[in-house]
PDB file of all heavy atoms in Angstrom:
ATOM      1  N   ALA A   1     -13.918 -25.045 -60.740  1.00  0.00           N
ATOM      2  CA  ALA A   1     -15.278 -24.669 -60.334  1.00  0.00           C
ATOM      3  C   ALA A   1     -15.373 -23.204 -59.916  1.00  0.00           C
ATOM      4  O   ALA A   1     -16.446 -22.601 -59.981  1.00  0.00           O
ATOM      5  CB  ALA A   1     -15.759 -25.562 -59.198  1.00  0.00           C
ATOM      6  N   THR A   2     -14.259 -22.646 -59.479  1.00  0.00           N
ATOM      7  CA  THR A   2     -14.214 -21.231 -59.094  1.00  0.00           C
ATOM      8  C   THR A   2     -12.999 -20.580 -59.750  1.00  0.00           C
ATOM      9  O   THR A   2     -12.079 -21.258 -60.192  1.00  0.00           O
ATOM     10  CB  THR A   2     -14.126 -21.062 -57.566  1.00  0.00           C
ATOM     11  OG1 THR A   2     -12.993 -21.813 -57.082  1.00  0.00           O
ATOM     12  CG2 THR A   2     -15.394 -21.563 -56.879  1.00  0.00           C
ATOM     13  N   ALA A   3     -13.025 -19.246 -59.795  1.00  0.00           N
ATOM     14  CA  ALA A   3     -11.927 -18.498 -60.420  1.00  0.00           C
ATOM     15  C   ALA A   3     -11.742 -17.179 -59.669  1.00  0.00           C
ATOM     16  O   ALA A   3     -12.669 -16.688 -59.019  1.00  0.00           O
ATOM     17  CB  ALA A   3     -12.233 -18.238 -61.892  1.00  0.00           C
ATOM     18  N   THR A   4     -10.541 -16.618 -59.771  1.00  0.00           N
ATOM     19  CA  THR A   4     -10.208 -15.388 -59.040  1.00  0.00           C
ATOM     20  C   THR A   4      -9.483 -14.422 -59.964  1.00  0.00           C
ATOM     21  O   THR A   4      -8.590 -14.828 -60.725  1.00  0.00           O
ATOM     22  CB  THR A   4      -9.312 -15.710 -57.825  1.00  0.00           C
ATOM     23  OG1 THR A   4      -9.984 -16.657 -56.991  1.00  0.00           O
ATOM     24  CG2 THR A   4      -8.999 -14.463 -57.011  1.00  0.00           C
ATOM     25  N   CYS A   5      -9.853 -13.154 -59.883  1.00  0.00           N
ATOM     26  CA  CYS A   5      -9.142 -12.137 -60.658  1.00  0.00           C
ATOM     27  C   CYS A   5      -7.747 -11.960 -60.078  1.00  0.00           C
ATOM     28  O   CYS A   5      -7.584 -11.823 -58.861  1.00  0.00           O
ATOM     29  CB  CYS A   5      -9.905 -10.807 -60.620  1.00  0.00           C
ATOM     30  SG  CYS A   5      -8.995  -9.463 -61.438  1.00  0.00           S
ATOM     31  N   THR A   6      -6.740 -11.953 -60.937  1.00  0.00           N
ATOM     32  CA  THR A   6      -5.355 -11.823 -60.473  1.00  0.00           C
ATOM     33  C   THR A   6      -5.021 -10.400 -60.026  1.00  0.00           C
ATOM     34  O   THR A   6      -3.982 -10.174 -59.421  1.00  0.00           O
ATOM     35  CB  THR A   6      -4.371 -12.238 -61.595  1.00  0.00           C
ATOM     36  OG1 THR A   6      -4.650 -11.461 -62.772  1.00  0.00           O
ATOM     37  CG2 THR A   6      -4.503 -13.713 -61.934  1.00  0.00           C
ATOM     38  N   VAL A   7      -5.914  -9.448 -60.306  1.00  0.00           N
ATOM     39  CA  VAL A   7      -5.661  -8.046 -59.931  1.00  0.00           C
ATOM     40  C   VAL A   7      -6.507  -7.647 -58.719  1.00  0.00           C
ATOM     41  O   VAL A   7      -5.989  -7.342 -57.646  1.00  0.00           O
ATOM     42  CB  VAL A   7      -5.927  -7.094 -61.118  1.00  0.00           C
ATOM     43  CG1 VAL A   7      -5.705  -5.636 -60.690  1.00  0.00           C
ATOM     44  CG2 VAL A   7      -5.022  -7.448 -62.293  1.00  0.00           C
ATOM     45  N   CYS A   8      -7.830  -7.663 -58.863  1.00  0.00           N
ATOM     46  CA  CYS A   8      -8.700  -7.175 -57.777  1.00  0.00           C
ATOM     47  C   CYS A   8      -9.113  -8.270 -56.799  1.00  0.00           C
ATOM     48  O   CYS A   8      -9.743  -7.981 -55.783  1.00  0.00           O
ATOM     49  CB  CYS A   8      -9.925  -6.465 -58.331  1.00  0.00           C
ATOM     50  SG  CYS A   8     -11.142  -7.574 -59.112  1.00  0.00           S
ATOM     51  N   ARG A   9      -8.780  -9.533 -57.123  1.00  0.00           N
ATOM     52  CA  ARG A   9      -9.027 -10.693 -56.255  1.00  0.00           C
ATOM     53  C   ARG A   9     -10.500 -11.019 -56.058  1.00  0.00           C
ATOM     54  O   ARG A   9     -10.860 -11.745 -55.135  1.00  0.00           O
ATOM     55  CB  ARG A   9      -8.349 -10.531 -54.876  1.00  0.00           C
ATOM     56  CG  ARG A   9      -6.871 -10.178 -54.901  1.00  0.00           C
ATOM     57  CD  ARG A   9      -6.030 -11.098 -55.759  1.00  0.00           C
ATOM     58  NE  ARG A   9      -6.016 -12.472 -55.270  1.00  0.00           N
ATOM     59  CZ  ARG A   9      -5.518 -13.505 -55.947  1.00  0.00           C
ATOM     60  NH1 ARG A   9      -5.006 -13.321 -57.157  1.00  0.00           N
ATOM     61  NH2 ARG A   9      -5.552 -14.713 -55.431  1.00  0.00           N
ATOM     62  N   ASN A  10     -11.373 -10.484 -56.900  1.00  0.00           N
ATOM     63  CA  ASN A  10     -12.778 -10.884 -56.837  1.00  0.00           C
ATOM     64  C   ASN A  10     -12.911 -12.349 -57.247  1.00  0.00           C
ATOM     65  O   ASN A  10     -12.176 -12.827 -58.125  1.00  0.00           O
ATOM     66  CB  ASN A  10     -13.628 -10.010 -57.777  1.00  0.00           C
ATOM     67  CG  ASN A  10     -14.212  -8.815 -57.060  1.00  0.00           C
ATOM     68  OD1 ASN A  10     -14.904  -8.956 -56.055  1.00  0.00           O
ATOM     69  ND2 ASN A  10     -13.933  -7.626 -57.567  1.00  0.00           N
ATOM     70  N   ASN A  11     -13.861 -13.034 -56.616  1.00  0.00           N
ATOM     71  CA  ASN A  11     -14.098 -14.449 -56.918  1.00  0.00           C
ATOM     72  C   ASN A  11     -15.316 -14.608 -57.813  1.00  0.00           C
ATOM     73  O   ASN A  11     -16.279 -13.847 -57.684  1.00  0.00           O
ATOM     74  CB  ASN A  11     -14.334 -15.240 -55.620  1.00  0.00           C
ATOM     75  CG  ASN A  11     -13.117 -15.238 -54.731  1.00  0.00           C
ATOM     76  OD1 ASN A  11     -12.071 -14.776 -55.133  1.00  0.00           O
ATOM     77  ND2 ASN A  11     -13.261 -15.746 -53.525  1.00  0.00           N
ATOM     78  N   PHE A  12     -15.264 -15.617 -58.675  1.00  0.00           N
ATOM     79  CA  PHE A  12     -16.356 -15.864 -59.623  1.00  0.00           C
ATOM     80  C   PHE A  12     -16.572 -17.364 -59.783  1.00  0.00           C
ATOM     81  O   PHE A  12     -15.644 -18.154 -59.592  1.00  0.00           O
ATOM     82  CB  PHE A  12     -16.012 -15.276 -61.006  1.00  0.00           C
ATOM     83  CG  PHE A  12     -15.692 -13.822 -61.000  1.00  0.00           C
ATOM     84  CD1 PHE A  12     -14.370 -13.388 -60.936  1.00  0.00           C
ATOM     85  CD2 PHE A  12     -16.699 -12.864 -61.056  1.00  0.00           C
ATOM     86  CE1 PHE A  12     -14.057 -12.037 -60.925  1.00  0.00           C
ATOM     87  CE2 PHE A  12     -16.404 -11.513 -61.054  1.00  0.00           C
ATOM     88  CZ  PHE A  12     -15.083 -11.092 -60.989  1.00  0.00           C
ATOM     89  N   PRO A  13     -17.798 -17.775 -60.180  1.00  0.00           N
ATOM     90  CA  PRO A  13     -17.985 -19.176 -60.578  1.00  0.00           C
ATOM     91  C   PRO A  13     -17.161 -19.445 -61.848  1.00  0.00           C
ATOM     92  O   PRO A  13     -17.148 -18.626 -62.773  1.00  0.00           O
ATOM     93  CB  PRO A  13     -19.491 -19.267 -60.881  1.00  0.00           C
ATOM     94  CG  PRO A  13     -20.097 -18.053 -60.243  1.00  0.00           C
ATOM     95  CD  PRO A  13     -19.039 -16.994 -60.257  1.00  0.00           C
ATOM     96  N   GLY A  14     -16.489 -20.582 -61.875  1.00  0.00           N
ATOM     97  CA  GLY A  14     -15.658 -20.913 -63.032  1.00  0.00           C
ATOM     98  C   GLY A  14     -16.451 -20.968 -64.326  1.00  0.00           C
ATOM     99  O   GLY A  14     -15.939 -20.644 -65.405  1.00  0.00           O
ATOM    100  N   GLU A  15     -17.708 -21.355 -64.217  1.00  0.00           N
ATOM    101  CA  GLU A  15     -18.559 -21.512 -65.400  1.00  0.00           C
ATOM    102  C   GLU A  15     -18.751 -20.181 -66.133  1.00  0.00           C
ATOM    103  O   GLU A  15     -19.007 -20.169 -67.340  1.00  0.00           O
ATOM    104  CB  GLU A  15     -19.914 -22.096 -64.973  1.00  0.00           C
ATOM    105  CG  GLU A  15     -20.746 -22.677 -66.092  1.00  0.00           C
ATOM    106  CD  GLU A  15     -20.089 -23.810 -66.861  1.00  0.00           C
ATOM    107  OE1 GLU A  15     -19.261 -24.541 -66.271  1.00  0.00           O
ATOM    108  OE2 GLU A  15     -20.399 -23.950 -68.065  1.00  0.00           O
ATOM    109  N   ASP A  16     -18.599 -19.053 -65.411  1.00  0.00           N
ATOM    110  CA  ASP A  16     -18.751 -17.732 -66.032  1.00  0.00           C
ATOM    111  C   ASP A  16     -17.762 -17.508 -67.174  1.00  0.00           C
ATOM    112  O   ASP A  16     -18.001 -16.681 -68.063  1.00  0.00           O
ATOM    113  CB  ASP A  16     -18.540 -16.616 -64.989  1.00  0.00           C
ATOM    114  CG  ASP A  16     -19.712 -16.504 -64.016  1.00  0.00           C
ATOM    115  OD1 ASP A  16     -20.650 -17.318 -64.117  1.00  0.00           O
ATOM    116  OD2 ASP A  16     -19.666 -15.610 -63.143  1.00  0.00           O
ATOM    117  N   PHE A  17     -16.631 -18.227 -67.133  1.00  0.00           N
ATOM    118  CA  PHE A  17     -15.560 -17.978 -68.110  1.00  0.00           C
ATOM    119  C   PHE A  17     -15.363 -19.143 -69.075  1.00  0.00           C
ATOM    120  O   PHE A  17     -14.432 -19.124 -69.876  1.00  0.00           O
ATOM    121  CB  PHE A  17     -14.253 -17.659 -67.363  1.00  0.00           C
ATOM    122  CG  PHE A  17     -14.416 -16.503 -66.416  1.00  0.00           C
ATOM    123  CD1 PHE A  17     -14.611 -16.721 -65.060  1.00  0.00           C
ATOM    124  CD2 PHE A  17     -14.430 -15.201 -66.887  1.00  0.00           C
ATOM    125  CE1 PHE A  17     -14.807 -15.662 -64.186  1.00  0.00           C
ATOM    126  CE2 PHE A  17     -14.628 -14.130 -66.022  1.00  0.00           C
ATOM    127  CZ  PHE A  17     -14.817 -14.360 -64.668  1.00  0.00           C
ATOM    128  N   ARG A  18     -16.244 -20.109 -68.969  1.00  0.00           N
ATOM    129  CA  ARG A  18     -16.142 -21.275 -69.860  1.00  0.00           C
ATOM    130  C   ARG A  18     -16.178 -20.858 -71.328  1.00  0.00           C
ATOM    131  O   ARG A  18     -15.380 -21.329 -72.143  1.00  0.00           O
ATOM    132  CB  ARG A  18     -17.269 -22.256 -69.558  1.00  0.00           C
ATOM    133  CG  ARG A  18     -17.233 -23.485 -70.436  1.00  0.00           C
ATOM    134  CD  ARG A  18     -18.469 -24.367 -70.228  1.00  0.00           C
ATOM    135  NE  ARG A  18     -18.362 -25.521 -71.098  1.00  0.00           N
ATOM    136  CZ  ARG A  18     -17.690 -26.626 -70.805  1.00  0.00           C
ATOM    137  NH1 ARG A  18     -17.080 -26.739 -69.644  1.00  0.00           N
ATOM    138  NH2 ARG A  18     -17.613 -27.619 -71.668  1.00  0.00           N
ATOM    139  N   GLY A  19     -17.099 -19.945 -71.674  1.00  0.00           N
ATOM    140  CA  GLY A  19     -17.241 -19.506 -73.068  1.00  0.00           C
ATOM    141  C   GLY A  19     -15.961 -18.912 -73.606  1.00  0.00           C
ATOM    142  O   GLY A  19     -15.535 -19.230 -74.726  1.00  0.00           O
ATOM    143  N   ASP A  20     -15.313 -18.056 -72.806  1.00  0.00           N
ATOM    144  CA  ASP A  20     -14.050 -17.446 -73.236  1.00  0.00           C
ATOM    145  C   ASP A  20     -12.981 -18.505 -73.466  1.00  0.00           C
ATOM    146  O   ASP A  20     -12.278 -18.491 -74.488  1.00  0.00           O
ATOM    147  CB  ASP A  20     -13.540 -16.462 -72.168  1.00  0.00           C
ATOM    148  CG  ASP A  20     -14.302 -15.143 -72.201  1.00  0.00           C
ATOM    149  OD1 ASP A  20     -14.986 -14.878 -73.208  1.00  0.00           O
ATOM    150  OD2 ASP A  20     -14.209 -14.387 -71.221  1.00  0.00           O
ATOM    151  N   ILE A  21     -12.852 -19.421 -72.505  1.00  0.00           N
ATOM    152  CA  ILE A  21     -11.797 -20.434 -72.601  1.00  0.00           C
ATOM    153  C   ILE A  21     -12.022 -21.334 -73.812  1.00  0.00           C
ATOM    154  O   ILE A  21     -11.089 -21.643 -74.553  1.00  0.00           O
ATOM    155  CB  ILE A  21     -11.715 -21.242 -71.278  1.00  0.00           C
ATOM    156  CG1 ILE A  21     -11.182 -20.330 -70.157  1.00  0.00           C
ATOM    157  CG2 ILE A  21     -10.811 -22.468 -71.432  1.00  0.00           C
ATOM    158  CD1 ILE A  21     -11.249 -20.922 -68.773  1.00  0.00           C
ATOM    159  N   MET A  22     -13.269 -21.719 -74.048  1.00  0.00           N
ATOM    160  CA  MET A  22     -13.573 -22.581 -75.199  1.00  0.00           C
ATOM    161  C   MET A  22     -13.388 -21.843 -76.527  1.00  0.00           C
ATOM    162  O   MET A  22     -13.152 -22.462 -77.558  1.00  0.00           O
ATOM    163  CB  MET A  22     -15.004 -23.123 -75.099  1.00  0.00           C
ATOM    164  CG  MET A  22     -15.205 -24.101 -73.969  1.00  0.00           C
ATOM    165  SD  MET A  22     -14.141 -25.547 -74.117  1.00  0.00           S
ATOM    166  CE  MET A  22     -13.881 -25.949 -72.394  1.00  0.00           C
ATOM    167  N   ALA A  23     -13.476 -20.506 -76.479  1.00  0.00           N
ATOM    168  CA  ALA A  23     -13.280 -19.695 -77.685  1.00  0.00           C
ATOM    169  C   ALA A  23     -11.823 -19.239 -77.836  1.00  0.00           C
ATOM    170  O   ALA A  23     -11.532 -18.355 -78.644  1.00  0.00           O
ATOM    171  CB  ALA A  23     -14.209 -18.480 -77.645  1.00  0.00           C
ATOM    172  N   ASP A  24     -10.930 -19.858 -77.054  1.00  0.00           N
ATOM    173  CA  ASP A  24      -9.490 -19.534 -77.104  1.00  0.00           C
ATOM    174  C   ASP A  24      -9.198 -18.088 -76.722  1.00  0.00           C
ATOM    175  O   ASP A  24      -8.258 -17.472 -77.227  1.00  0.00           O
ATOM    176  CB  ASP A  24      -8.897 -19.839 -78.487  1.00  0.00           C
ATOM    177  CG  ASP A  24      -9.010 -21.312 -78.836  1.00  0.00           C
ATOM    178  OD1 ASP A  24      -8.684 -22.147 -77.971  1.00  0.00           O
ATOM    179  OD2 ASP A  24      -9.453 -21.631 -79.954  1.00  0.00           O
ATOM    180  N   LYS A  25     -10.022 -17.543 -75.816  1.00  0.00           N
ATOM    181  CA  LYS A  25      -9.789 -16.183 -75.322  1.00  0.00           C
ATOM    182  C   LYS A  25      -9.303 -16.239 -73.883  1.00  0.00           C
ATOM    183  O   LYS A  25      -9.743 -17.100 -73.111  1.00  0.00           O
ATOM    184  CB  LYS A  25     -11.085 -15.363 -75.362  1.00  0.00           C
ATOM    185  CG  LYS A  25     -11.626 -15.115 -76.761  1.00  0.00           C
ATOM    186  CD  LYS A  25     -12.977 -14.395 -76.656  1.00  0.00           C
ATOM    187  CE  LYS A  25     -13.605 -14.189 -78.032  1.00  0.00           C
ATOM    188  NZ  LYS A  25     -14.982 -13.659 -77.910  1.00  0.00           N
ATOM    189  N   VAL A  26      -8.419 -15.328 -73.521  1.00  0.00           N
ATOM    190  CA  VAL A  26      -7.991 -15.204 -72.129  1.00  0.00           C
ATOM    191  C   VAL A  26      -9.117 -14.479 -71.378  1.00  0.00           C
ATOM    192  O   VAL A  26      -9.511 -13.375 -71.765  1.00  0.00           O
ATOM    193  CB  VAL A  26      -6.675 -14.408 -72.019  1.00  0.00           C
ATOM    194  CG1 VAL A  26      -6.340 -14.115 -70.557  1.00  0.00           C
ATOM    195  CG2 VAL A  26      -5.530 -15.172 -72.698  1.00  0.00           C
ATOM    196  N   PRO A  27      -9.672 -15.082 -70.308  1.00  0.00           N
ATOM    197  CA  PRO A  27     -10.794 -14.442 -69.608  1.00  0.00           C
ATOM    198  C   PRO A  27     -10.362 -13.223 -68.788  1.00  0.00           C
ATOM    199  O   PRO A  27      -9.303 -13.239 -68.164  1.00  0.00           O
ATOM    200  CB  PRO A  27     -11.323 -15.548 -68.687  1.00  0.00           C
ATOM    201  CG  PRO A  27     -10.211 -16.516 -68.546  1.00  0.00           C
ATOM    202  CD  PRO A  27      -9.370 -16.414 -69.775  1.00  0.00           C
ATOM    203  N   HIS A  28     -11.190 -12.182 -68.825  1.00  0.00           N
ATOM    204  CA  HIS A  28     -10.880 -10.950 -68.090  1.00  0.00           C
ATOM    205  C   HIS A  28     -11.984 -10.626 -67.098  1.00  0.00           C
ATOM    206  O   HIS A  28     -13.155 -10.949 -67.310  1.00  0.00           O
ATOM    207  CB  HIS A  28     -10.667  -9.786 -69.066  1.00  0.00           C
ATOM    208  CG  HIS A  28      -9.381  -9.889 -69.824  1.00  0.00           C
ATOM    209  ND1 HIS A  28      -8.183  -9.433 -69.324  1.00  0.00           N
ATOM    210  CD2 HIS A  28      -9.102 -10.446 -71.039  1.00  0.00           C
ATOM    211  CE1 HIS A  28      -7.224  -9.670 -70.208  1.00  0.00           C
ATOM    212  NE2 HIS A  28      -7.757 -10.296 -71.260  1.00  0.00           N
ATOM    213  N   CYS A  29     -11.594  -9.979 -66.034  1.00  0.00           N
ATOM    214  CA  CYS A  29     -12.497  -9.643 -64.938  1.00  0.00           C
ATOM    215  C   CYS A  29     -13.527  -8.598 -65.378  1.00  0.00           C
ATOM    216  O   CYS A  29     -13.158  -7.567 -65.954  1.00  0.00           O
ATOM    217  CB  CYS A  29     -11.669  -9.113 -63.767  1.00  0.00           C
ATOM    218  SG  CYS A  29     -12.642  -8.546 -62.376  1.00  0.00           S
ATOM    219  N   PRO A  30     -14.812  -8.839 -65.087  1.00  0.00           N
ATOM    220  CA  PRO A  30     -15.830  -7.851 -65.439  1.00  0.00           C
ATOM    221  C   PRO A  30     -15.776  -6.606 -64.549  1.00  0.00           C
ATOM    222  O   PRO A  30     -16.388  -5.591 -64.864  1.00  0.00           O
ATOM    223  CB  PRO A  30     -17.148  -8.618 -65.214  1.00  0.00           C
ATOM    224  CG  PRO A  30     -16.807  -9.682 -64.236  1.00  0.00           C
ATOM    225  CD  PRO A  30     -15.380 -10.054 -64.483  1.00  0.00           C
ATOM    226  N   VAL A  31     -15.004  -6.682 -63.465  1.00  0.00           N
ATOM    227  CA  VAL A  31     -14.897  -5.555 -62.532  1.00  0.00           C
ATOM    228  C   VAL A  31     -13.734  -4.642 -62.895  1.00  0.00           C
ATOM    229  O   VAL A  31     -13.892  -3.422 -63.027  1.00  0.00           O
ATOM    230  CB  VAL A  31     -14.751  -6.049 -61.072  1.00  0.00           C
ATOM    231  CG1 VAL A  31     -14.606  -4.855 -60.114  1.00  0.00           C
ATOM    232  CG2 VAL A  31     -15.935  -6.919 -60.675  1.00  0.00           C
ATOM    233  N   CYS A  32     -12.539  -5.255 -63.093  1.00  0.00           N
ATOM    234  CA  CYS A  32     -11.342  -4.409 -63.301  1.00  0.00           C
ATOM    235  C   CYS A  32     -10.584  -4.715 -64.590  1.00  0.00           C
ATOM    236  O   CYS A  32      -9.559  -4.101 -64.848  1.00  0.00           O
ATOM    237  CB  CYS A  32     -10.402  -4.542 -62.106  1.00  0.00           C
ATOM    238  SG  CYS A  32      -9.470  -6.093 -62.096  1.00  0.00           S
ATOM    239  N   THR A  33     -11.042  -5.701 -65.345  1.00  0.00           N
ATOM    240  CA  THR A  33     -10.441  -6.168 -66.618  1.00  0.00           C
ATOM    241  C   THR A  33      -9.119  -6.931 -66.437  1.00  0.00           C
ATOM    242  O   THR A  33      -8.447  -7.245 -67.410  1.00  0.00           O
ATOM    243  CB  THR A  33     -10.223  -5.024 -67.646  1.00  0.00           C
ATOM    244  OG1 THR A  33      -9.134  -4.205 -67.240  1.00  0.00           O
ATOM    245  CG2 THR A  33     -11.495  -4.209 -67.839  1.00  0.00           C
ATOM    246  N   GLY A  34      -8.749  -7.222 -65.188  1.00  0.00           N
ATOM    247  CA  GLY A  34      -7.565  -8.065 -64.975  1.00  0.00           C
ATOM    248  C   GLY A  34      -7.806  -9.472 -65.486  1.00  0.00           C
ATOM    249  O   GLY A  34      -8.945  -9.884 -65.731  1.00  0.00           O
ATOM    250  N   VAL A  35      -6.721 -10.237 -65.654  1.00  0.00           N
ATOM    251  CA  VAL A  35      -6.855 -11.628 -66.094  1.00  0.00           C
ATOM    252  C   VAL A  35      -7.448 -12.459 -64.951  1.00  0.00           C
ATOM    253  O   VAL A  35      -7.027 -12.344 -63.800  1.00  0.00           O
ATOM    254  CB  VAL A  35      -5.488 -12.209 -66.514  1.00  0.00           C
ATOM    255  CG1 VAL A  35      -5.603 -13.703 -66.822  1.00  0.00           C
ATOM    256  CG2 VAL A  35      -4.943 -11.471 -67.732  1.00  0.00           C
ATOM    257  N   VAL A  36      -8.447 -13.266 -65.283  1.00  0.00           N
ATOM    258  CA  VAL A  36      -9.071 -14.148 -64.297  1.00  0.00           C
ATOM    259  C   VAL A  36      -8.456 -15.539 -64.420  1.00  0.00           C
ATOM    260  O   VAL A  36      -8.401 -16.108 -65.506  1.00  0.00           O
ATOM    261  CB  VAL A  36     -10.594 -14.225 -64.509  1.00  0.00           C
ATOM    262  CG1 VAL A  36     -11.215 -15.259 -63.578  1.00  0.00           C
ATOM    263  CG2 VAL A  36     -11.233 -12.863 -64.271  1.00  0.00           C
ATOM    264  N   LYS A  37      -7.975 -16.058 -63.299  1.00  0.00           N
ATOM    265  CA  LYS A  37      -7.329 -17.376 -63.287  1.00  0.00           C
ATOM    266  C   LYS A  37      -8.206 -18.380 -62.541  1.00  0.00           C
ATOM    267  O   LYS A  37      -8.636 -18.116 -61.414  1.00  0.00           O
ATOM    268  CB  LYS A  37      -5.973 -17.257 -62.594  1.00  0.00           C
ATOM    269  CG  LYS A  37      -5.249 -18.565 -62.354  1.00  0.00           C
ATOM    270  CD  LYS A  37      -3.948 -18.295 -61.596  1.00  0.00           C
ATOM    271  CE  LYS A  37      -3.419 -19.510 -60.884  1.00  0.00           C
ATOM    272  NZ  LYS A  37      -4.261 -20.001 -59.787  1.00  0.00           N
ATOM    273  N   PRO A  38      -8.515 -19.513 -63.165  1.00  0.00           N
ATOM    274  CA  PRO A  38      -9.218 -20.569 -62.418  1.00  0.00           C
ATOM    275  C   PRO A  38      -8.440 -20.900 -61.145  1.00  0.00           C
ATOM    276  O   PRO A  38      -7.204 -20.741 -61.109  1.00  0.00           O
ATOM    277  CB  PRO A  38      -9.212 -21.750 -63.396  1.00  0.00           C
ATOM    278  CG  PRO A  38      -9.082 -21.127 -64.751  1.00  0.00           C
ATOM    279  CD  PRO A  38      -8.202 -19.927 -64.549  1.00  0.00           C
ATOM    280  N   ASP A  39      -9.132 -21.357 -60.120  1.00  0.00           N
ATOM    281  CA  ASP A  39      -8.482 -21.599 -58.828  1.00  0.00           C
ATOM    282  C   ASP A  39      -7.711 -22.916 -58.806  1.00  0.00           C
ATOM    283  O   ASP A  39      -7.875 -23.763 -57.918  1.00  0.00           O
ATOM    284  CB  ASP A  39      -9.514 -21.547 -57.703  1.00  0.00           C
ATOM    285  CG  ASP A  39     -10.036 -20.135 -57.483  1.00  0.00           C
ATOM    286  OD1 ASP A  39      -9.312 -19.176 -57.805  1.00  0.00           O
ATOM    287  OD2 ASP A  39     -11.187 -19.994 -57.001  1.00  0.00           O
ATOM    288  N   ILE A  40      -6.844 -23.081 -59.806  1.00  0.00           N
ATOM    289  CA  ILE A  40      -5.896 -24.187 -59.877  1.00  0.00           C
ATOM    290  C   ILE A  40      -4.632 -23.744 -59.142  1.00  0.00           C
ATOM    291  O   ILE A  40      -4.181 -22.617 -59.316  1.00  0.00           O
ATOM    292  CB  ILE A  40      -5.552 -24.522 -61.349  1.00  0.00           C
ATOM    293  CG1 ILE A  40      -6.827 -24.833 -62.155  1.00  0.00           C
ATOM    294  CG2 ILE A  40      -4.547 -25.660 -61.438  1.00  0.00           C
ATOM    295  CD1 ILE A  40      -7.630 -25.982 -61.630  1.00  0.00           C
TER     296      ILE A  40
END
């Protein structure tokens, strides 16, 4: 339901990255371009 950038630690709603994940893309932070990891 939520996700966090592994670099800048900004938090995001998980739904923001659903499109990327369903398209087989690694989601990236809109702030710093770091990889965004769901809060698993």
